[in-house]
Amino acid sequence: MWPLASRSRKMTRLLFLTQSLSSNPKPISHSHTYYNYSVSRSFHNSISNLSLAFLHPIRSPAICAFCSKPSSAVGVGSLPSMTEDISYLTQREAAEIDEILMGPLGFSVDQLMELAGLSVATSIAEVYKPSEYNRVLAICGPGNNGGDGLVAARHLHHFGYKPSVCYPKRTAKPLYTGLVTQLESLSVPFISVEDLPLDLSKDFDIIVDAMFGFSFHGSPRPPFDNLIQKLVCINNYDQTRQKSSAVVSIDIPSGWHVEGDGGAEGIKPDMLVSLTAPKLCAKKFFGPHHFLGGRFVPPSIADKYKLRLPPYPGTSMCVRIGRPAQVDISALRENYVSPEFLEEQVEADPFDQFGKWFDDVVAAGLREPNAMALSTASKNGKPSSRMVLLKGFDKNGFVWYTNYESRKAHELSENPHASLLFHWDGLNRQVRVEGSVQKISDEESDQYFHSRPRGSQIGAIVSKQSTVVPGRHVLYDQYKELEEKFSDGSIIPKPKNWGGYRLKPELFEFWQGQKSRLHDRLQYSPEEINGQQVWKIERLAP
């Protein structure tokens, strides 16, 4: 992203500033005897707010994530489908914006370097999981681009990767020596150029190209000319299917001109992380993964330079530019790394074990920990599944709420048995629960209904769930009508066809992902011993 220090010693940086929207989610609390989770899906949060979301290209709804996930990038503010929709900066524009940021806007070099390095690390983590691409080599130049690489290496270490650093032309300034000290304190190894293998792909899964930034011109001098050739060789090995190492370039592939490319013999990275805004040379990047990082575009700069940039999802420090690369679905897999899940470590009561795992999920900050797949079947055995939200559980069972005239409700009236599945990807865990289902009392349903946001209450009245609707405008029109009707704050009556169900468990299965598909599966099933019902724990083959 940054140039080498110029003779005038002006150190400039381009940074995009977006407004952060704060969010204050309601805490999920529970007692020892009953768990009641107040997370709810609102049918209508606010029509006016929704309209504003469409009008503003730069947004930041607050969710807990550094990396952009495909699910969070869909919908309002979705990514441009083609790179032509994105603004590209010339070298002069990039330098001008840097001067503004480093001058009147008051940003410091270390501030911007930290944000750039974090953006690079999160972009890498978005695509290359540490379980598969663990060994990282960051090749750092003497300027700010090299500093970005040093910061990225530190963050990658904390993300679970094993980075090494090649930093042949060290800068003596305190900022850079401090970055080196930070890495040394983490026992991150520094490797000299002479000690690098001839074929980097044999020892490293990811190569981070952090040698030169957007001010580079001319021919690379030793030892960087040789290092660039090593990265070119990786491209050649990849073409012969002898290697799968990934090359990640920061802002500009080293050796490329900011407004051109690297020529037929230049580096062809697998990933390019453009910082603040793509430079003109990024139009010549045809690799599978192009990300934007930085997220600090002040409105004055965005307006002055007429910048068109994709919105960052949630609190992410990176966002994908253009379409994701096509993938071979059959090759998609995750090699799970988890602690062992052993019989002698689990709770004797599956309800207690579920509560223990649920507490872990909440503590980990995973999104919608109470989301579960509810599977039902008709009297003829025809199945259907959908995602719903758990709203409470105790020793009597698991509770959720819905429309009693929906498809799932009709199926439950014909066949009062169901299965629940909780999938907690961030912890490599699943829980499956099977059992019989019955409606809860009207009193309990009424109490929960009136604890919901008023918008959700109105939405429950408007939605004749699972019926055909002429168009979305019909729902909005009905919603607006009821919103006006109850604008005086009067009590919104619960629809008679709306309420809760309780599944009484007859079987639990706790699943923990492990390496080489040797997953842990512990099943709880009831059995009677000496006239008392207890839970039998058995291990199932993965």
Protein backbone atom coordinates (compact mmCIF):
# COMPACT_ATOMS: atom_id res chain seq x y z
CA MET A 1 0.00 0.00 0.00
CA TRP A 2 2.71 2.45 0.90
CA PRO A 3 5.70 3.71 -1.06
CA LEU A 4 9.29 3.54 0.03
CA ALA A 5 10.37 6.65 1.87
CA SER A 6 10.89 9.39 -0.70
CA ARG A 7 13.68 11.98 -0.68
CA SER A 8 11.32 14.54 0.77
CA ARG A 9 10.61 11.98 3.49
CA LYS A 10 6.90 12.49 3.10
CA MET A 11 5.22 9.40 4.40
CA THR A 12 1.71 9.18 3.04
CA ARG A 13 -1.11 6.76 3.27
CA LEU A 14 -4.55 6.17 1.81
CA LEU A 15 -7.20 5.14 4.28
CA PHE A 16 -10.95 4.79 4.00
CA LEU A 17 -13.12 5.97 6.85
CA THR A 18 -16.61 4.64 7.26
CA GLN A 19 -19.04 5.34 10.01
CA SER A 20 -19.44 2.59 12.59
CA LEU A 21 -22.94 1.81 13.67
CA SER A 22 -23.18 0.68 17.25
CA SER A 23 -25.29 -2.24 18.30
CA ASN A 24 -26.43 -3.17 21.77
CA PRO A 25 -27.73 -6.71 21.56
CA LYS A 26 -29.83 -7.93 24.44
CA PRO A 27 -27.94 -10.27 26.72
CA ILE A 28 -28.92 -13.91 26.73
CA SER A 29 -29.41 -14.94 30.29
CA HIS A 30 -30.42 -18.14 32.00
CA SER A 31 -30.99 -19.56 35.42
CA HIS A 32 -29.94 -22.98 36.60
CA THR A 33 -33.40 -24.42 36.03
CA TYR A 34 -34.73 -22.69 32.91
CA TYR A 35 -33.06 -21.13 29.91
CA ASN A 36 -34.95 -18.31 28.22
CA TYR A 37 -33.35 -16.67 25.21
CA SER A 38 -34.74 -13.34 24.09
CA VAL A 39 -33.08 -13.27 20.66
CA SER A 40 -35.83 -12.78 18.06
CA ARG A 41 -36.18 -12.26 14.33
CA SER A 42 -38.14 -9.11 13.66
CA PHE A 43 -40.42 -9.25 10.62
CA HIS A 44 -39.99 -5.56 10.22
CA ASN A 45 -37.26 -3.59 11.96
CA SER A 46 -38.04 -0.29 10.32
CA ILE A 47 -39.10 0.47 6.78
CA SER A 48 -37.42 3.86 6.93
CA ASN A 49 -34.14 2.35 8.15
CA LEU A 50 -34.31 -0.27 5.41
CA SER A 51 -34.70 2.48 2.81
CA LEU A 52 -31.70 4.32 4.22
CA ALA A 53 -29.63 1.16 4.00
CA PHE A 54 -30.29 0.99 0.26
CA LEU A 55 -29.34 4.63 -0.20
CA HIS A 56 -25.97 4.56 1.56
CA PRO A 57 -23.19 2.61 -0.22
CA ILE A 58 -20.85 2.70 2.79
CA ARG A 59 -22.31 1.06 5.88
CA SER A 60 -21.24 -0.92 8.91
CA PRO A 61 -23.93 -2.79 10.85
CA ALA A 62 -22.27 -4.06 13.96
CA ILE A 63 -21.78 -7.79 14.16
CA CYS A 64 -18.86 -9.58 15.70
CA ALA A 65 -16.53 -10.55 12.84
CA PHE A 66 -13.20 -9.44 11.41
CA CYS A 67 -13.61 -11.42 8.19
CA SER A 68 -16.39 -10.99 5.66
CA LYS A 69 -18.57 -14.07 5.36
CA PRO A 70 -20.65 -14.77 2.26
CA SER A 71 -23.86 -14.85 4.29
CA SER A 72 -23.22 -11.42 5.71
CA ALA A 73 -22.52 -9.90 2.31
CA VAL A 74 -25.86 -10.85 0.79
CA GLY A 75 -28.78 -8.49 0.57
CA VAL A 76 -28.63 -4.79 1.29
CA GLY A 77 -25.33 -3.41 0.04
CA SER A 78 -24.35 -6.64 -1.68
CA LEU A 79 -21.07 -6.72 -3.54
CA PRO A 80 -20.80 -5.35 -7.07
CA SER A 81 -20.95 -8.21 -9.53
CA MET A 82 -18.11 -6.96 -11.76
CA THR A 83 -14.89 -5.13 -11.02
CA GLU A 84 -15.91 -2.34 -13.45
CA ASP A 85 -18.27 -1.12 -10.73
CA ILE A 86 -15.27 -0.26 -8.53
CA SER A 87 -13.14 2.89 -8.56
CA TYR A 88 -9.42 2.56 -9.39
CA LEU A 89 -6.79 5.08 -8.33
CA THR A 90 -3.90 6.43 -10.34
CA GLN A 91 -0.53 6.85 -8.67
CA ARG A 92 -1.11 10.62 -8.42
CA GLU A 93 -4.55 10.20 -6.82
CA ALA A 94 -3.23 7.67 -4.33
CA ALA A 95 -0.41 10.03 -3.33
CA GLU A 96 -2.79 13.00 -3.02
CA ILE A 97 -5.17 11.10 -0.77
CA ASP A 98 -2.23 9.93 1.34
CA GLU A 99 -1.13 13.51 1.85
CA ILE A 100 -4.61 14.50 3.02
CA LEU A 101 -4.80 11.61 5.47
CA MET A 102 -1.32 12.12 6.85
CA GLY A 103 -1.80 15.87 7.01
CA PRO A 104 -5.08 17.57 7.95
CA LEU A 105 -6.85 14.33 8.93
CA GLY A 106 -4.18 13.50 11.49
CA PHE A 107 -3.53 9.84 10.88
CA SER A 108 -0.18 8.43 11.98
CA VAL A 109 1.92 5.87 10.12
CA ASP A 110 1.78 3.24 12.85
CA GLN A 111 -2.01 3.62 13.05
CA LEU A 112 -2.46 3.04 9.33
CA MET A 113 0.10 0.25 9.18
CA GLU A 114 -1.69 -1.64 11.93
CA LEU A 115 -5.02 -1.39 10.14
CA ALA A 116 -3.49 -2.38 6.80
CA GLY A 117 -1.76 -5.43 8.25
CA LEU A 118 -4.91 -6.52 10.04
CA SER A 119 -6.86 -6.18 6.78
CA VAL A 120 -4.34 -8.40 5.00
CA ALA A 121 -4.43 -11.04 7.73
CA THR A 122 -8.22 -11.17 7.79
CA SER A 123 -8.35 -11.42 3.99
CA ILE A 124 -6.01 -14.40 4.13
CA ALA A 125 -8.07 -16.00 6.89
CA GLU A 126 -11.18 -15.53 4.76
CA VAL A 127 -9.90 -17.92 2.08
CA TYR A 128 -6.99 -19.95 3.46
CA LYS A 129 -7.86 -21.77 6.66
CA PRO A 130 -4.98 -22.43 9.07
CA SER A 131 -5.88 -26.11 9.22
CA GLU A 132 -4.95 -26.42 5.53
CA TYR A 133 -2.58 -23.48 4.90
CA ASN A 134 -0.64 -23.20 8.12
CA ARG A 135 2.91 -22.34 7.06
CA VAL A 136 3.22 -18.69 6.01
CA LEU A 137 6.25 -16.78 4.74
CA ALA A 138 6.02 -12.97 4.73
CA ILE A 139 8.64 -11.40 2.45
CA CYS A 140 8.94 -7.79 3.59
CA GLY A 141 10.55 -4.84 1.86
CA PRO A 142 12.20 -1.86 3.58
CA GLY A 143 9.23 0.52 3.26
CA ASN A 144 5.68 0.80 4.46
CA ASN A 145 4.55 -2.14 2.37
CA GLY A 146 7.05 -4.24 4.28
CA GLY A 147 5.67 -2.84 7.53
CA ASP A 148 2.21 -3.99 6.47
CA GLY A 149 3.66 -7.46 6.00
CA LEU A 150 5.23 -7.46 9.48
CA VAL A 151 1.92 -6.47 11.07
CA ALA A 152 0.07 -9.08 9.00
CA ALA A 153 2.51 -11.77 10.19
CA ARG A 154 1.79 -10.87 13.83
CA HIS A 155 -1.96 -11.08 13.34
CA LEU A 156 -1.66 -14.34 11.42
CA HIS A 157 0.25 -15.79 14.37
CA HIS A 158 -2.63 -14.88 16.67
CA PHE A 159 -5.09 -16.34 14.13
CA GLY A 160 -3.45 -19.76 14.45
CA TYR A 161 -1.01 -19.74 11.52
CA LYS A 162 2.74 -20.39 11.77
CA PRO A 163 4.36 -17.38 10.08
CA SER A 164 8.02 -16.86 9.24
CA VAL A 165 9.49 -13.59 8.01
CA CYS A 166 12.15 -12.75 5.43
CA TYR A 167 13.16 -9.13 6.00
CA PRO A 168 16.47 -8.59 4.16
CA LYS A 169 16.69 -4.77 4.14
CA ARG A 170 15.62 -3.78 7.62
CA THR A 171 14.66 -0.20 8.39
CA ALA A 172 16.27 1.26 11.51
CA LYS A 173 13.36 3.54 12.42
CA PRO A 174 11.71 2.81 15.80
CA LEU A 175 8.38 1.91 14.17
CA TYR A 176 9.94 -0.95 12.24
CA THR A 177 12.28 -2.14 14.96
CA GLY A 178 9.27 -2.25 17.25
CA LEU A 179 7.40 -4.47 14.80
CA VAL A 180 10.40 -6.80 14.66
CA THR A 181 10.56 -6.93 18.46
CA GLN A 182 6.86 -7.80 18.65
CA LEU A 183 7.34 -10.72 16.27
CA GLU A 184 10.44 -11.93 18.09
CA SER A 185 8.52 -11.89 21.37
CA LEU A 186 6.08 -14.34 19.75
CA SER A 187 9.00 -16.55 18.62
CA VAL A 188 8.19 -15.87 14.97
CA PRO A 189 11.34 -16.95 13.08
CA PHE A 190 13.21 -14.58 10.77
CA ILE A 191 14.84 -16.27 7.78
CA SER A 192 17.67 -14.79 5.73
CA VAL A 193 17.51 -14.79 1.94
CA GLU A 194 20.42 -17.24 1.86
CA ASP A 195 18.52 -19.72 4.04
CA LEU A 196 15.36 -19.74 1.94
CA PRO A 197 14.76 -22.95 -0.05
CA LEU A 198 15.09 -22.78 -3.82
CA ASP A 199 11.46 -23.84 -4.11
CA LEU A 200 9.46 -21.90 -1.52
CA SER A 201 6.45 -24.12 -2.11
CA LYS A 202 8.12 -27.03 -0.36
CA ASP A 203 8.27 -25.28 3.01
CA PHE A 204 5.38 -22.79 2.88
CA ASP A 205 1.68 -22.92 2.11
CA ILE A 206 1.22 -19.16 1.75
CA ILE A 207 3.73 -16.55 0.56
CA VAL A 208 2.88 -12.94 1.49
CA ASP A 209 4.40 -10.52 -1.02
CA ALA A 210 5.02 -7.34 0.99
CA MET A 211 8.06 -6.02 -0.87
CA PHE A 212 6.99 -2.92 -2.80
CA GLY A 213 4.05 -0.51 -2.72
CA PHE A 214 2.31 1.76 -5.20
CA SER A 215 5.21 4.24 -5.62
CA PHE A 216 7.58 1.58 -6.93
CA HIS A 217 9.03 2.09 -10.40
CA GLY A 218 12.03 0.80 -12.28
CA SER A 219 13.66 -2.59 -11.90
CA PRO A 220 13.91 -4.37 -8.53
CA ARG A 221 17.41 -4.47 -7.07
CA PRO A 222 19.02 -7.38 -5.22
CA PRO A 223 17.94 -9.30 -3.29
CA PHE A 224 14.35 -8.47 -4.26
CA ASP A 225 14.84 -9.30 -7.93
CA ASN A 226 15.71 -12.85 -6.93
CA LEU A 227 12.84 -13.05 -4.44
CA ILE A 228 10.37 -11.94 -7.09
CA GLN A 229 11.67 -14.66 -9.39
CA LYS A 230 11.06 -17.21 -6.66
CA LEU A 231 7.42 -16.14 -6.60
CA VAL A 232 7.23 -16.32 -10.38
CA CYS A 233 8.55 -19.87 -10.14
CA ILE A 234 5.71 -20.75 -7.81
CA ASN A 235 3.29 -19.73 -10.56
CA ASN A 236 5.13 -22.00 -12.98
CA TYR A 237 5.06 -24.95 -10.59
CA ASP A 238 1.36 -24.40 -10.07
CA GLN A 239 0.73 -24.58 -13.82
CA THR A 240 2.31 -28.03 -13.90
CA ARG A 241 0.12 -29.08 -10.94
CA GLN A 242 3.18 -29.80 -8.82
CA LYS A 243 2.27 -27.29 -6.13
CA SER A 244 -0.55 -25.55 -4.40
CA SER A 245 1.11 -22.75 -2.44
CA ALA A 246 -0.78 -19.46 -2.55
CA VAL A 247 0.87 -16.11 -3.30
CA VAL A 248 -0.79 -13.12 -1.61
CA SER A 249 0.28 -9.63 -2.73
CA ILE A 250 -0.31 -6.55 -0.59
CA ASP A 251 -1.81 -3.64 -2.55
CA ILE A 252 0.50 -4.03 -5.58
CA PRO A 253 2.14 -7.25 -6.80
CA SER A 254 5.83 -6.50 -6.34
CA GLY A 255 7.49 -5.52 -9.61
CA TRP A 256 4.25 -4.25 -11.14
CA HIS A 257 3.79 -0.58 -12.01
CA VAL A 258 0.88 1.00 -10.17
CA GLU A 259 -0.81 1.87 -13.47
CA GLY A 260 0.32 -1.14 -15.49
CA ASP A 261 1.18 -4.74 -14.74
CA GLY A 262 4.14 -7.01 -14.25
CA GLY A 263 4.30 -8.23 -17.82
CA ALA A 264 4.23 -11.82 -18.96
CA GLU A 265 7.11 -12.73 -16.61
CA GLY A 266 5.81 -10.95 -13.50
CA ILE A 267 4.23 -12.28 -10.33
CA LYS A 268 0.72 -13.62 -10.79
CA PRO A 269 -0.64 -13.76 -7.25
CA ASP A 270 -3.54 -15.94 -6.19
CA MET A 271 -4.80 -13.14 -3.95
CA LEU A 272 -4.49 -9.39 -4.15
CA VAL A 273 -5.39 -7.32 -1.09
CA SER A 274 -5.94 -3.76 -2.31
CA LEU A 275 -5.59 -1.28 0.53
CA THR A 276 -7.96 1.67 0.80
CA ALA A 277 -8.89 1.44 -2.92
CA PRO A 278 -7.67 -0.66 -5.84
CA LYS A 279 -4.94 0.90 -7.95
CA LEU A 280 -5.18 0.91 -11.75
CA CYS A 281 -2.93 -2.13 -12.07
CA ALA A 282 -5.55 -4.19 -10.20
CA LYS A 283 -7.56 -4.23 -13.44
CA LYS A 284 -4.86 -6.57 -14.77
CA PHE A 285 -5.20 -8.92 -11.80
CA PHE A 286 -6.96 -12.11 -12.88
CA GLY A 287 -6.35 -14.27 -9.81
CA PRO A 288 -9.24 -15.92 -7.97
CA HIS A 289 -9.29 -13.70 -4.86
CA HIS A 290 -9.36 -9.90 -4.82
CA PHE A 291 -10.06 -8.20 -1.50
CA LEU A 292 -10.25 -4.61 -0.35
CA GLY A 293 -8.95 -3.62 3.08
CA GLY A 294 -8.57 -0.46 5.11
CA ARG A 295 -12.09 0.74 5.69
CA PHE A 296 -11.34 4.39 6.39
CA VAL A 297 -12.77 6.60 3.66
CA PRO A 298 -13.89 10.00 4.97
CA PRO A 299 -16.95 11.25 3.06
CA SER A 300 -15.01 14.31 1.90
CA ILE A 301 -12.43 12.12 0.14
CA ALA A 302 -15.05 9.74 -1.24
CA ASP A 303 -16.91 12.70 -2.74
CA LYS A 304 -13.84 14.51 -4.06
CA TYR A 305 -12.49 11.47 -5.89
CA LYS A 306 -15.93 10.02 -6.73
CA LEU A 307 -15.00 6.71 -5.15
CA ARG A 308 -17.24 3.72 -5.75
CA LEU A 309 -16.35 1.00 -3.28
CA PRO A 310 -18.13 -2.10 -1.98
CA PRO A 311 -19.56 -1.94 1.54
CA TYR A 312 -17.77 -3.79 4.30
CA PRO A 313 -19.99 -6.44 5.89
CA GLY A 314 -20.50 -6.12 9.62
CA THR A 315 -17.33 -5.21 11.47
CA SER A 316 -15.11 -6.87 8.87
CA MET A 317 -11.75 -5.36 7.97
CA CYS A 318 -11.93 -6.79 4.45
CA VAL A 319 -14.44 -7.23 1.66
CA ARG A 320 -14.26 -9.29 -1.52
CA ILE A 321 -14.21 -7.39 -4.80
CA GLY A 322 -16.12 -8.89 -7.71
CA ARG A 323 -17.38 -12.42 -7.95
CA PRO A 324 -15.89 -15.20 -5.81
CA ALA A 325 -13.75 -17.66 -7.70
CA GLN A 326 -15.44 -20.76 -9.05
CA VAL A 327 -14.68 -23.74 -6.89
CA ASP A 328 -14.85 -27.48 -7.19
CA ILE A 329 -17.59 -28.31 -4.71
CA SER A 330 -16.34 -31.87 -4.36
CA ALA A 331 -13.00 -30.52 -3.12
CA LEU A 332 -14.49 -28.35 -0.36
CA ARG A 333 -13.71 -29.82 3.03
CA GLU A 334 -12.58 -28.77 6.49
CA ASN A 335 -10.05 -30.74 8.49
CA TYR A 336 -11.35 -30.05 11.98
CA VAL A 337 -9.00 -29.43 14.89
CA SER A 338 -10.79 -29.84 18.23
CA PRO A 339 -10.16 -31.10 21.76
CA GLU A 340 -11.12 -34.72 22.32
CA PHE A 341 -14.70 -35.27 23.46
CA LEU A 342 -14.56 -38.25 25.83
CA GLU A 343 -17.21 -40.19 27.71
CA GLU A 344 -15.57 -39.62 31.07
CA GLN A 345 -15.63 -35.85 30.54
CA VAL A 346 -19.32 -35.37 29.71
CA GLU A 347 -22.25 -34.68 32.00
CA ALA A 348 -24.42 -37.65 32.97
CA ASP A 349 -27.55 -35.68 32.06
CA PRO A 350 -27.81 -34.54 28.41
CA PHE A 351 -29.71 -31.40 29.40
CA ASP A 352 -26.77 -30.38 31.54
CA GLN A 353 -24.36 -31.20 28.71
CA PHE A 354 -26.43 -29.13 26.28
CA GLY A 355 -26.46 -26.20 28.71
CA LYS A 356 -22.68 -26.47 29.10
CA TRP A 357 -22.10 -26.41 25.34
CA PHE A 358 -24.61 -23.62 24.85
CA ASP A 359 -22.76 -21.52 27.41
CA ASP A 360 -19.55 -22.15 25.42
CA VAL A 361 -21.23 -20.93 22.23
CA VAL A 362 -22.55 -17.77 23.89
CA ALA A 363 -19.12 -17.08 25.43
CA ALA A 364 -17.49 -17.53 22.00
CA GLY A 365 -19.77 -14.83 20.57
CA LEU A 366 -21.13 -16.97 17.73
CA ARG A 367 -23.99 -15.43 15.81
CA GLU A 368 -27.49 -16.67 16.70
CA PRO A 369 -26.41 -19.54 18.95
CA ASN A 370 -30.07 -20.50 19.41
CA ALA A 371 -30.68 -21.08 15.68
CA MET A 372 -31.70 -24.67 14.99
CA ALA A 373 -32.89 -26.75 12.06
CA LEU A 374 -36.35 -28.15 12.79
CA SER A 375 -37.25 -31.24 10.78
CA THR A 376 -40.78 -32.58 10.61
CA ALA A 377 -42.62 -35.10 8.44
CA SER A 378 -46.18 -35.56 7.22
CA LYS A 379 -48.28 -38.62 8.02
CA ASN A 380 -47.02 -40.06 4.72
CA GLY A 381 -43.41 -39.63 5.82
CA LYS A 382 -42.62 -36.70 3.51
CA PRO A 383 -40.00 -34.61 5.37
CA SER A 384 -39.35 -30.88 5.50
CA SER A 385 -36.82 -28.74 7.36
CA ARG A 386 -36.39 -25.09 8.22
CA MET A 387 -34.39 -22.88 10.58
CA VAL A 388 -36.14 -21.61 13.70
CA LEU A 389 -34.99 -20.06 16.96
CA LEU A 390 -34.89 -21.86 20.30
CA LYS A 391 -36.65 -19.70 22.87
CA GLY A 392 -36.08 -21.71 26.00
CA PHE A 393 -35.35 -25.14 27.41
CA ASP A 394 -35.48 -26.99 30.68
CA LYS A 395 -35.77 -30.63 31.74
CA ASN A 396 -39.23 -30.72 30.12
CA GLY A 397 -37.93 -29.96 26.66
CA PHE A 398 -37.03 -27.40 23.99
CA VAL A 399 -39.43 -24.57 23.11
CA TRP A 400 -39.92 -22.53 19.92
CA TYR A 401 -42.77 -20.41 18.54
CA THR A 402 -44.50 -20.31 15.17
CA ASN A 403 -47.77 -19.96 13.27
CA TYR A 404 -50.11 -22.87 14.00
CA GLU A 405 -51.30 -22.83 10.36
CA SER A 406 -47.83 -23.17 8.83
CA ARG A 407 -46.59 -26.28 7.04
CA LYS A 408 -44.56 -27.44 10.01
CA ALA A 409 -47.60 -27.03 12.25
CA HIS A 410 -49.78 -29.12 9.92
CA GLU A 411 -47.12 -31.82 9.82
CA LEU A 412 -46.80 -31.80 13.60
CA SER A 413 -50.56 -32.21 13.96
CA GLU A 414 -50.37 -35.30 11.72
CA ASN A 415 -47.08 -36.64 13.05
CA PRO A 416 -46.14 -35.13 16.46
CA HIS A 417 -42.46 -36.06 16.28
CA ALA A 418 -39.53 -33.90 15.22
CA SER A 419 -35.77 -33.52 15.19
CA LEU A 420 -33.72 -30.45 16.13
CA LEU A 421 -30.18 -29.77 14.92
CA PHE A 422 -27.88 -27.11 16.33
CA HIS A 423 -24.79 -26.38 14.21
CA TRP A 424 -22.06 -24.30 15.87
CA ASP A 425 -19.43 -24.03 13.17
CA GLY A 426 -17.07 -21.81 15.16
CA LEU A 427 -16.58 -24.55 17.75
CA ASN A 428 -16.82 -27.55 15.36
CA ARG A 429 -19.88 -28.79 17.24
CA GLN A 430 -23.37 -30.06 16.51
CA VAL A 431 -26.18 -31.29 18.72
CA ARG A 432 -29.09 -33.35 17.43
CA VAL A 433 -32.23 -33.84 19.53
CA GLU A 434 -35.17 -36.13 18.67
CA GLY A 435 -38.48 -36.43 20.44
CA SER A 436 -42.23 -35.99 20.58
CA VAL A 437 -43.82 -32.56 20.22
CA GLN A 438 -46.82 -30.86 21.76
CA LYS A 439 -48.19 -27.33 21.99
CA ILE A 440 -47.40 -25.28 25.07
CA SER A 441 -50.12 -23.51 27.06
CA ASP A 442 -51.84 -20.38 25.75
CA GLU A 443 -50.67 -18.55 28.87
CA GLU A 444 -47.03 -19.33 28.16
CA SER A 445 -47.41 -18.36 24.48
CA ASP A 446 -49.19 -15.13 25.37
CA GLN A 447 -46.50 -14.18 27.88
CA TYR A 448 -43.72 -14.69 25.34
CA PHE A 449 -45.65 -12.94 22.54
CA HIS A 450 -45.90 -9.73 24.53
CA SER A 451 -42.22 -9.86 25.46
CA ARG A 452 -41.30 -9.55 21.77
CA PRO A 453 -40.59 -6.21 20.04
CA ARG A 454 -43.83 -4.58 18.86
CA GLY A 455 -42.63 -4.86 15.27
CA SER A 456 -42.33 -8.63 15.64
CA GLN A 457 -45.79 -8.80 17.19
CA ILE A 458 -47.28 -6.96 14.21
CA GLY A 459 -45.28 -9.14 11.83
CA ALA A 460 -46.79 -12.28 13.38
CA ILE A 461 -50.28 -10.93 12.65
CA VAL A 462 -49.43 -9.90 9.08
CA SER A 463 -47.72 -13.14 8.06
CA LYS A 464 -50.09 -15.97 7.12
CA GLN A 465 -47.11 -18.27 7.21
CA SER A 466 -46.55 -20.67 4.29
CA THR A 467 -49.43 -19.22 2.22
CA VAL A 468 -48.88 -17.68 -1.22
CA VAL A 469 -48.44 -13.89 -1.19
CA PRO A 470 -49.03 -11.74 -4.35
CA GLY A 471 -45.98 -9.63 -3.58
CA ARG A 472 -43.82 -8.15 -0.82
CA HIS A 473 -45.71 -4.87 -1.07
CA VAL A 474 -48.81 -6.63 0.29
CA LEU A 475 -46.98 -7.47 3.51
CA TYR A 476 -45.61 -3.95 3.85
CA ASP A 477 -49.00 -2.37 3.24
CA GLN A 478 -50.63 -4.56 5.89
CA TYR A 479 -47.78 -3.90 8.26
CA LYS A 480 -48.05 -0.13 7.84
CA GLU A 481 -51.78 -0.29 8.44
CA LEU A 482 -51.38 -2.20 11.71
CA GLU A 483 -48.43 -0.07 12.76
CA GLU A 484 -50.66 2.98 12.49
CA LYS A 485 -53.51 1.21 14.28
CA PHE A 486 -51.35 0.40 17.31
CA SER A 487 -49.30 3.61 17.23
CA ASP A 488 -50.98 4.71 20.47
CA GLY A 489 -49.06 2.03 22.38
CA SER A 490 -52.09 -0.13 23.07
CA ILE A 491 -51.65 -3.86 23.65
CA ILE A 492 -51.30 -5.89 20.45
CA PRO A 493 -53.41 -9.06 20.78
CA LYS A 494 -51.71 -12.38 20.13
CA PRO A 495 -53.20 -14.15 17.10
CA LYS A 496 -55.09 -17.30 18.01
CA ASN A 497 -53.14 -19.20 15.38
CA TRP A 498 -49.77 -18.33 16.89
CA GLY A 499 -47.99 -20.02 19.76
CA GLY A 500 -45.28 -22.35 20.97
CA TYR A 501 -44.28 -25.97 20.76
CA ARG A 502 -42.20 -28.07 23.12
CA LEU A 503 -40.12 -31.03 22.01
CA LYS A 504 -39.63 -33.61 24.76
CA PRO A 505 -36.28 -35.29 24.01
CA GLU A 506 -36.03 -39.03 23.54
CA LEU A 507 -32.51 -38.96 22.10
CA PHE A 508 -29.51 -36.61 22.10
CA GLU A 509 -26.39 -36.78 19.98
CA PHE A 510 -23.38 -34.52 20.63
CA TRP A 511 -20.93 -34.21 17.73
CA GLN A 512 -17.40 -32.80 17.85
CA GLY A 513 -15.43 -32.45 14.59
CA GLN A 514 -11.98 -34.06 14.54
CA LYS A 515 -9.07 -34.58 12.14
CA SER A 516 -9.33 -37.02 9.25
CA ARG A 517 -13.11 -37.32 9.71
CA LEU A 518 -12.65 -39.27 12.96
CA HIS A 519 -15.32 -37.19 14.65
CA ASP A 520 -16.56 -37.71 18.19
CA ARG A 521 -20.24 -38.75 18.42
CA LEU A 522 -21.76 -39.40 21.83
CA GLN A 523 -25.39 -40.48 21.97
CA TYR A 524 -27.69 -40.25 24.99
CA SER A 525 -30.74 -42.55 25.03
CA PRO A 526 -33.05 -43.34 27.96
CA GLU A 527 -33.08 -46.70 29.66
CA GLU A 528 -34.60 -48.05 32.84
CA ILE A 529 -32.38 -49.41 35.61
CA ASN A 530 -33.92 -50.68 38.88
CA GLY A 531 -37.15 -48.91 38.10
CA GLN A 532 -35.46 -45.58 37.44
CA GLN A 533 -34.94 -43.90 34.09
CA VAL A 534 -31.36 -42.95 33.37
CA TRP A 535 -29.50 -41.81 30.27
CA LYS A 536 -27.24 -44.34 28.56
CA ILE A 537 -24.17 -42.84 26.85
CA GLU A 538 -22.77 -44.61 23.80
CA ARG A 539 -20.10 -43.69 21.26
CA LEU A 540 -21.13 -43.88 17.60
CA ALA A 541 -18.81 -44.45 14.67
CA PRO A 542 -18.25 -41.23 12.68
